[in-house]
Amino acid sequence: MANVREPISKKKRFDVFKRDGFKCQYCGAHPPAVLLHVDHINPVANGGKSNTDNLITACEPCNLGKGARPLTDIPPTLADKAVIAAEREAQIVGYNKILAAGAKRIDNDSWDVANLWIDAHNKDSIRKDYRTSIKSFLHKLPKQEVLDAMERAVSKARGQDASFRYFCGICWAKIREQA
């Protein structure tokens, strides 16, 4: 059943205007610049009654702009939006710091693993694609397991490429075991 709007008597209307000093309680406007209305604080559409405690003086633009929304439905101010945007930005900055720290840790750990291969083969460096593979394994496996896999591979396999392929095979087997 729809809420029925009770008529507001002229006396009640005048009493509300008088109580509120003949000023819009939302923006402070007053006659003759604006036409005043009596507004329901809790809208009739939401079950609000026409008793004096639920009535307030509002200018026509404020009353019509408010509509059937309760006063608790306050749109965020620019300051509120700025606070929310700043919080989101701080979260993004924090998240990016965590990602950067993780990437740096993976990079450092990959050199620990790569140095086992470099030392075993008396090289000065390791191929870039080998390091990329090592990093990939470090994303999926604990560092110690990747180090153990490299130690095992360089001690058993002959040749640079063979030892790295053996290392990859060990790591992939460990990853499949986790699944």
C-alpha atoms as a PDB file:
ATOM      1  CA  MET A   1       0.000   0.000   0.000  1.00  0.00           C
ATOM      2  CA  ALA A   2       1.430   3.382  -1.031  1.00  0.00           C
ATOM      3  CA  ASN A   3       2.127   5.967   1.641  1.00  0.00           C
ATOM      4  CA  VAL A   4      -0.518   8.671   1.636  1.00  0.00           C
ATOM      5  CA  ARG A   5       0.609  12.251   2.057  1.00  0.00           C
ATOM      6  CA  GLU A   6      -1.299  13.967   4.851  1.00  0.00           C
ATOM      7  CA  PRO A   7      -2.203  17.549   4.075  1.00  0.00           C
ATOM      8  CA  ILE A   8      -0.218  20.116   6.045  1.00  0.00           C
ATOM      9  CA  SER A   9      -2.389  22.869   7.464  1.00  0.00           C
ATOM     10  CA  LYS A  10      -1.516  26.533   6.917  1.00  0.00           C
ATOM     11  CA  LYS A  11      -1.042  26.931  10.682  1.00  0.00           C
ATOM     12  CA  LYS A  12       1.434  24.002  10.856  1.00  0.00           C
ATOM     13  CA  ARG A  13       3.269  25.372   7.801  1.00  0.00           C
ATOM     14  CA  PHE A  14       3.519  28.821   9.405  1.00  0.00           C
ATOM     15  CA  ASP A  15       4.692  27.280  12.717  1.00  0.00           C
ATOM     16  CA  VAL A  16       7.496  25.395  10.900  1.00  0.00           C
ATOM     17  CA  PHE A  17       8.549  28.554   9.012  1.00  0.00           C
ATOM     18  CA  LYS A  18       8.482  30.558  12.255  1.00  0.00           C
ATOM     19  CA  ARG A  19      10.457  27.888  14.162  1.00  0.00           C
ATOM     20  CA  ASP A  20      13.108  27.870  11.398  1.00  0.00           C
ATOM     21  CA  GLY A  21      13.332  31.677  11.190  1.00  0.00           C
ATOM     22  CA  PHE A  22      11.802  31.807   7.689  1.00  0.00           C
ATOM     23  CA  LYS A  23      15.094  30.502   6.246  1.00  0.00           C
ATOM     24  CA  CYS A  24      15.907  27.417   4.214  1.00  0.00           C
ATOM     25  CA  GLN A  25      17.555  25.075   6.682  1.00  0.00           C
ATOM     26  CA  TYR A  26      19.695  23.565   3.898  1.00  0.00           C
ATOM     27  CA  CYS A  27      21.199  26.649   2.267  1.00  0.00           C
ATOM     28  CA  GLY A  28      20.055  29.636   4.360  1.00  0.00           C
ATOM     29  CA  ALA A  29      18.103  31.337   1.561  1.00  0.00           C
ATOM     30  CA  HIS A  30      15.061  33.390   2.584  1.00  0.00           C
ATOM     31  CA  PRO A  31      12.215  35.384   0.991  1.00  0.00           C
ATOM     32  CA  PRO A  32      11.835  37.365  -1.144  1.00  0.00           C
ATOM     33  CA  ALA A  33      14.753  35.743  -3.047  1.00  0.00           C
ATOM     34  CA  VAL A  34      13.154  32.270  -2.847  1.00  0.00           C
ATOM     35  CA  LEU A  35       9.804  30.631  -2.293  1.00  0.00           C
ATOM     36  CA  LEU A  36       9.799  28.554   0.904  1.00  0.00           C
ATOM     37  CA  HIS A  37       8.391  25.027   1.176  1.00  0.00           C
ATOM     38  CA  VAL A  38       7.837  22.700   4.086  1.00  0.00           C
ATOM     39  CA  ASP A  39       9.923  19.574   3.502  1.00  0.00           C
ATOM     40  CA  HIS A  40       9.615  16.147   5.102  1.00  0.00           C
ATOM     41  CA  ILE A  41      12.953  15.211   6.710  1.00  0.00           C
ATOM     42  CA  ASN A  42      12.040  11.529   6.455  1.00  0.00           C
ATOM     43  CA  PRO A  43      10.255  11.436   3.065  1.00  0.00           C
ATOM     44  CA  VAL A  44       6.601  10.393   2.889  1.00  0.00           C
ATOM     45  CA  ALA A  45       7.700   7.811   0.300  1.00  0.00           C
ATOM     46  CA  ASN A  46       9.789   6.188   3.062  1.00  0.00           C
ATOM     47  CA  GLY A  47       7.010   6.288   5.657  1.00  0.00           C
ATOM     48  CA  GLY A  48       7.651   9.794   6.976  1.00  0.00           C
ATOM     49  CA  LYS A  49       4.728  11.542   8.685  1.00  0.00           C
ATOM     50  CA  SER A  50       3.647  15.163   8.613  1.00  0.00           C
ATOM     51  CA  ASN A  51       4.284  15.842  12.300  1.00  0.00           C
ATOM     52  CA  THR A  52       6.215  18.977  13.209  1.00  0.00           C
ATOM     53  CA  ASP A  53       9.347  17.033  14.218  1.00  0.00           C
ATOM     54  CA  ASN A  54       9.575  15.591  10.687  1.00  0.00           C
ATOM     55  CA  LEU A  55       9.092  18.925   8.918  1.00  0.00           C
ATOM     56  CA  ILE A  56      11.714  21.513   8.005  1.00  0.00           C
ATOM     57  CA  THR A  57      11.794  24.774   6.056  1.00  0.00           C
ATOM     58  CA  ALA A  58      13.406  24.439   2.629  1.00  0.00           C
ATOM     59  CA  CYS A  59      13.651  26.747  -0.349  1.00  0.00           C
ATOM     60  CA  GLU A  60      12.087  25.490  -3.559  1.00  0.00           C
ATOM     61  CA  PRO A  61      15.412  24.562  -5.262  1.00  0.00           C
ATOM     62  CA  CYS A  62      16.663  22.621  -2.203  1.00  0.00           C
ATOM     63  CA  ASN A  63      13.358  20.848  -1.654  1.00  0.00           C
ATOM     64  CA  LEU A  64      12.953  19.849  -5.271  1.00  0.00           C
ATOM     65  CA  GLY A  65      16.612  18.853  -5.497  1.00  0.00           C
ATOM     66  CA  LYS A  66      16.381  16.660  -2.400  1.00  0.00           C
ATOM     67  CA  GLY A  67      13.361  14.745  -3.675  1.00  0.00           C
ATOM     68  CA  ALA A  68      12.376  11.627  -1.739  1.00  0.00           C
ATOM     69  CA  ARG A  69      15.877  11.005  -0.419  1.00  0.00           C
ATOM     70  CA  PRO A  70      16.483  10.974   3.321  1.00  0.00           C
ATOM     71  CA  LEU A  71      19.026  13.424   4.737  1.00  0.00           C
ATOM     72  CA  THR A  72      21.322  10.495   5.505  1.00  0.00           C
ATOM     73  CA  ASP A  73      21.925  10.137   1.753  1.00  0.00           C
ATOM     74  CA  ILE A  74      24.623  12.791   1.660  1.00  0.00           C
ATOM     75  CA  PRO A  75      26.678  12.865  -1.516  1.00  0.00           C
ATOM     76  CA  PRO A  76      30.398  12.944  -0.852  1.00  0.00           C
ATOM     77  CA  THR A  77      31.998  16.369  -0.906  1.00  0.00           C
ATOM     78  CA  LEU A  78      35.025  17.143  -3.021  1.00  0.00           C
ATOM     79  CA  ALA A  79      37.087  16.969   0.170  1.00  0.00           C
ATOM     80  CA  ASP A  80      35.699  13.485   0.900  1.00  0.00           C
ATOM     81  CA  LYS A  81      36.428  12.401  -2.660  1.00  0.00           C
ATOM     82  CA  ALA A  82      39.968  13.783  -2.349  1.00  0.00           C
ATOM     83  CA  VAL A  83      40.517  11.781   0.859  1.00  0.00           C
ATOM     84  CA  ILE A  84      39.275   8.609  -0.853  1.00  0.00           C
ATOM     85  CA  ALA A  85      41.472   9.269  -3.904  1.00  0.00           C
ATOM     86  CA  ALA A  86      44.490   9.902  -1.664  1.00  0.00           C
ATOM     87  CA  GLU A  87      43.856   6.642   0.213  1.00  0.00           C
ATOM     88  CA  ARG A  88      43.587   4.714  -3.069  1.00  0.00           C
ATOM     89  CA  GLU A  89      46.813   6.320  -4.281  1.00  0.00           C
ATOM     90  CA  ALA A  90      48.568   5.407  -1.020  1.00  0.00           C
ATOM     91  CA  GLN A  91      47.371   1.818  -1.404  1.00  0.00           C
ATOM     92  CA  ILE A  92      48.642   1.680  -4.993  1.00  0.00           C
ATOM     93  CA  VAL A  93      52.011   3.108  -3.927  1.00  0.00           C
ATOM     94  CA  GLY A  94      52.220   0.551  -1.106  1.00  0.00           C
ATOM     95  CA  TYR A  95      51.244  -2.297  -3.413  1.00  0.00           C
ATOM     96  CA  ASN A  96      53.834  -1.226  -5.985  1.00  0.00           C
ATOM     97  CA  LYS A  97      56.514  -1.122  -3.259  1.00  0.00           C
ATOM     98  CA  ILE A  98      55.629  -4.683  -2.288  1.00  0.00           C
ATOM     99  CA  LEU A  99      55.790  -5.792  -5.926  1.00  0.00           C
ATOM    100  CA  ALA A 100      59.133  -4.020  -6.403  1.00  0.00           C
ATOM    101  CA  ALA A 101      60.551  -5.613  -3.238  1.00  0.00           C
ATOM    102  CA  GLY A 102      59.385  -9.024  -4.459  1.00  0.00           C
ATOM    103  CA  ALA A 103      60.937  -8.463  -7.884  1.00  0.00           C
ATOM    104  CA  LYS A 104      64.217  -7.359  -6.277  1.00  0.00           C
ATOM    105  CA  ARG A 105      64.217 -10.427  -4.021  1.00  0.00           C
ATOM    106  CA  ILE A 106      63.593 -12.723  -7.007  1.00  0.00           C
ATOM    107  CA  ASP A 107      66.365 -10.966  -8.943  1.00  0.00           C
ATOM    108  CA  ASN A 108      68.842 -11.369  -6.052  1.00  0.00           C
ATOM    109  CA  ASP A 109      67.817 -14.983  -5.492  1.00  0.00           C
ATOM    110  CA  SER A 110      68.187 -15.732  -9.193  1.00  0.00           C
ATOM    111  CA  TRP A 111      71.815 -14.580  -9.028  1.00  0.00           C
ATOM    112  CA  ASP A 112      72.434 -16.950  -6.105  1.00  0.00           C
ATOM    113  CA  VAL A 113      71.169 -19.835  -8.247  1.00  0.00           C
ATOM    114  CA  ALA A 114      72.909 -18.598 -11.410  1.00  0.00           C
ATOM    115  CA  ASN A 115      76.236 -18.313  -9.592  1.00  0.00           C
ATOM    116  CA  LEU A 116      76.131 -22.062  -8.863  1.00  0.00           C
ATOM    117  CA  TRP A 117      75.898 -22.707 -12.609  1.00  0.00           C
ATOM    118  CA  ILE A 118      78.530 -20.017 -13.426  1.00  0.00           C
ATOM    119  CA  ASP A 119      81.009 -21.442 -10.886  1.00  0.00           C
ATOM    120  CA  ALA A 120      80.451 -25.047 -11.985  1.00  0.00           C
ATOM    121  CA  HIS A 121      81.193 -24.189 -15.610  1.00  0.00           C
ATOM    122  CA  ASN A 122      83.977 -21.626 -14.978  1.00  0.00           C
ATOM    123  CA  LYS A 123      82.046 -18.886 -16.770  1.00  0.00           C
ATOM    124  CA  ASP A 124      81.881 -15.134 -16.236  1.00  0.00           C
ATOM    125  CA  SER A 125      78.141 -14.896 -16.806  1.00  0.00           C
ATOM    126  CA  ILE A 126      74.997 -16.835 -17.631  1.00  0.00           C
ATOM    127  CA  ARG A 127      72.680 -16.524 -20.611  1.00  0.00           C
ATOM    128  CA  LYS A 128      69.826 -14.084 -20.169  1.00  0.00           C
ATOM    129  CA  ASP A 129      67.199 -16.704 -21.046  1.00  0.00           C
ATOM    130  CA  TYR A 130      68.651 -19.013 -18.361  1.00  0.00           C
ATOM    131  CA  ARG A 131      68.217 -16.268 -15.741  1.00  0.00           C
ATOM    132  CA  THR A 132      64.675 -15.678 -16.944  1.00  0.00           C
ATOM    133  CA  SER A 133      63.937 -19.382 -16.426  1.00  0.00           C
ATOM    134  CA  ILE A 134      65.527 -19.317 -12.978  1.00  0.00           C
ATOM    135  CA  LYS A 135      63.329 -16.344 -12.020  1.00  0.00           C
ATOM    136  CA  SER A 136      60.279 -18.202 -13.261  1.00  0.00           C
ATOM    137  CA  PHE A 137      61.119 -21.169 -11.047  1.00  0.00           C
ATOM    138  CA  LEU A 138      61.708 -18.869  -8.065  1.00  0.00           C
ATOM    139  CA  HIS A 139      58.171 -17.530  -8.510  1.00  0.00           C
ATOM    140  CA  LYS A 140      56.828 -21.072  -8.207  1.00  0.00           C
ATOM    141  CA  LEU A 141      59.223 -22.803  -5.797  1.00  0.00           C
ATOM    142  CA  PRO A 142      61.030 -21.925  -2.571  1.00  0.00           C
ATOM    143  CA  LYS A 143      64.538 -20.602  -3.093  1.00  0.00           C
ATOM    144  CA  GLN A 144      66.176 -23.545  -1.312  1.00  0.00           C
ATOM    145  CA  GLU A 145      64.486 -26.058  -3.633  1.00  0.00           C
ATOM    146  CA  VAL A 146      65.713 -24.137  -6.687  1.00  0.00           C
ATOM    147  CA  LEU A 147      69.249 -23.948  -5.239  1.00  0.00           C
ATOM    148  CA  ASP A 148      69.171 -27.694  -4.487  1.00  0.00           C
ATOM    149  CA  ALA A 149      67.982 -28.412  -8.034  1.00  0.00           C
ATOM    150  CA  MET A 150      70.855 -26.402  -9.522  1.00  0.00           C
ATOM    151  CA  GLU A 151      73.445 -28.071  -7.254  1.00  0.00           C
ATOM    152  CA  ARG A 152      72.126 -31.478  -8.248  1.00  0.00           C
ATOM    153  CA  ALA A 153      72.078 -30.583 -11.956  1.00  0.00           C
ATOM    154  CA  VAL A 154      75.636 -29.206 -12.127  1.00  0.00           C
ATOM    155  CA  SER A 155      76.987 -32.178 -10.164  1.00  0.00           C
ATOM    156  CA  LYS A 156      75.352 -34.841 -12.362  1.00  0.00           C
ATOM    157  CA  ALA A 157      75.004 -33.506 -15.900  1.00  0.00           C
ATOM    158  CA  ARG A 158      77.903 -32.999 -18.305  1.00  0.00           C
ATOM    159  CA  GLY A 159      78.043 -29.770 -20.308  1.00  0.00           C
ATOM    160  CA  GLN A 160      76.524 -26.359 -19.870  1.00  0.00           C
ATOM    161  CA  ASP A 161      73.303 -26.864 -21.802  1.00  0.00           C
ATOM    162  CA  ALA A 162      72.767 -30.385 -20.457  1.00  0.00           C
ATOM    163  CA  SER A 163      73.119 -29.255 -16.852  1.00  0.00           C
ATOM    164  CA  PHE A 164      70.680 -26.413 -17.360  1.00  0.00           C
ATOM    165  CA  ARG A 165      68.124 -28.681 -19.071  1.00  0.00           C
ATOM    166  CA  TYR A 166      68.507 -31.154 -16.179  1.00  0.00           C
ATOM    167  CA  PHE A 167      67.997 -28.280 -13.716  1.00  0.00           C
ATOM    168  CA  CYS A 168      64.793 -27.285 -15.551  1.00  0.00           C
ATOM    169  CA  GLY A 169      63.558 -30.883 -15.518  1.00  0.00           C
ATOM    170  CA  ILE A 170      64.096 -31.121 -11.745  1.00  0.00           C
ATOM    171  CA  CYS A 171      62.243 -27.846 -11.154  1.00  0.00           C
ATOM    172  CA  TRP A 172      59.317 -28.795 -13.386  1.00  0.00           C
ATOM    173  CA  ALA A 173      59.014 -32.140 -11.587  1.00  0.00           C
ATOM    174  CA  LYS A 174      58.862 -30.288  -8.235  1.00  0.00           C
ATOM    175  CA  ILE A 175      56.198 -27.942  -9.586  1.00  0.00           C
ATOM    176  CA  ARG A 176      54.094 -30.901 -10.816  1.00  0.00           C
ATOM    177  CA  GLU A 177      54.434 -32.517  -7.367  1.00  0.00           C
ATOM    178  CA  GLN A 178      52.882 -29.405  -5.808  1.00  0.00           C
ATOM    179  CA  ALA A 179      49.810 -29.527  -8.048  1.00  0.00           C
END
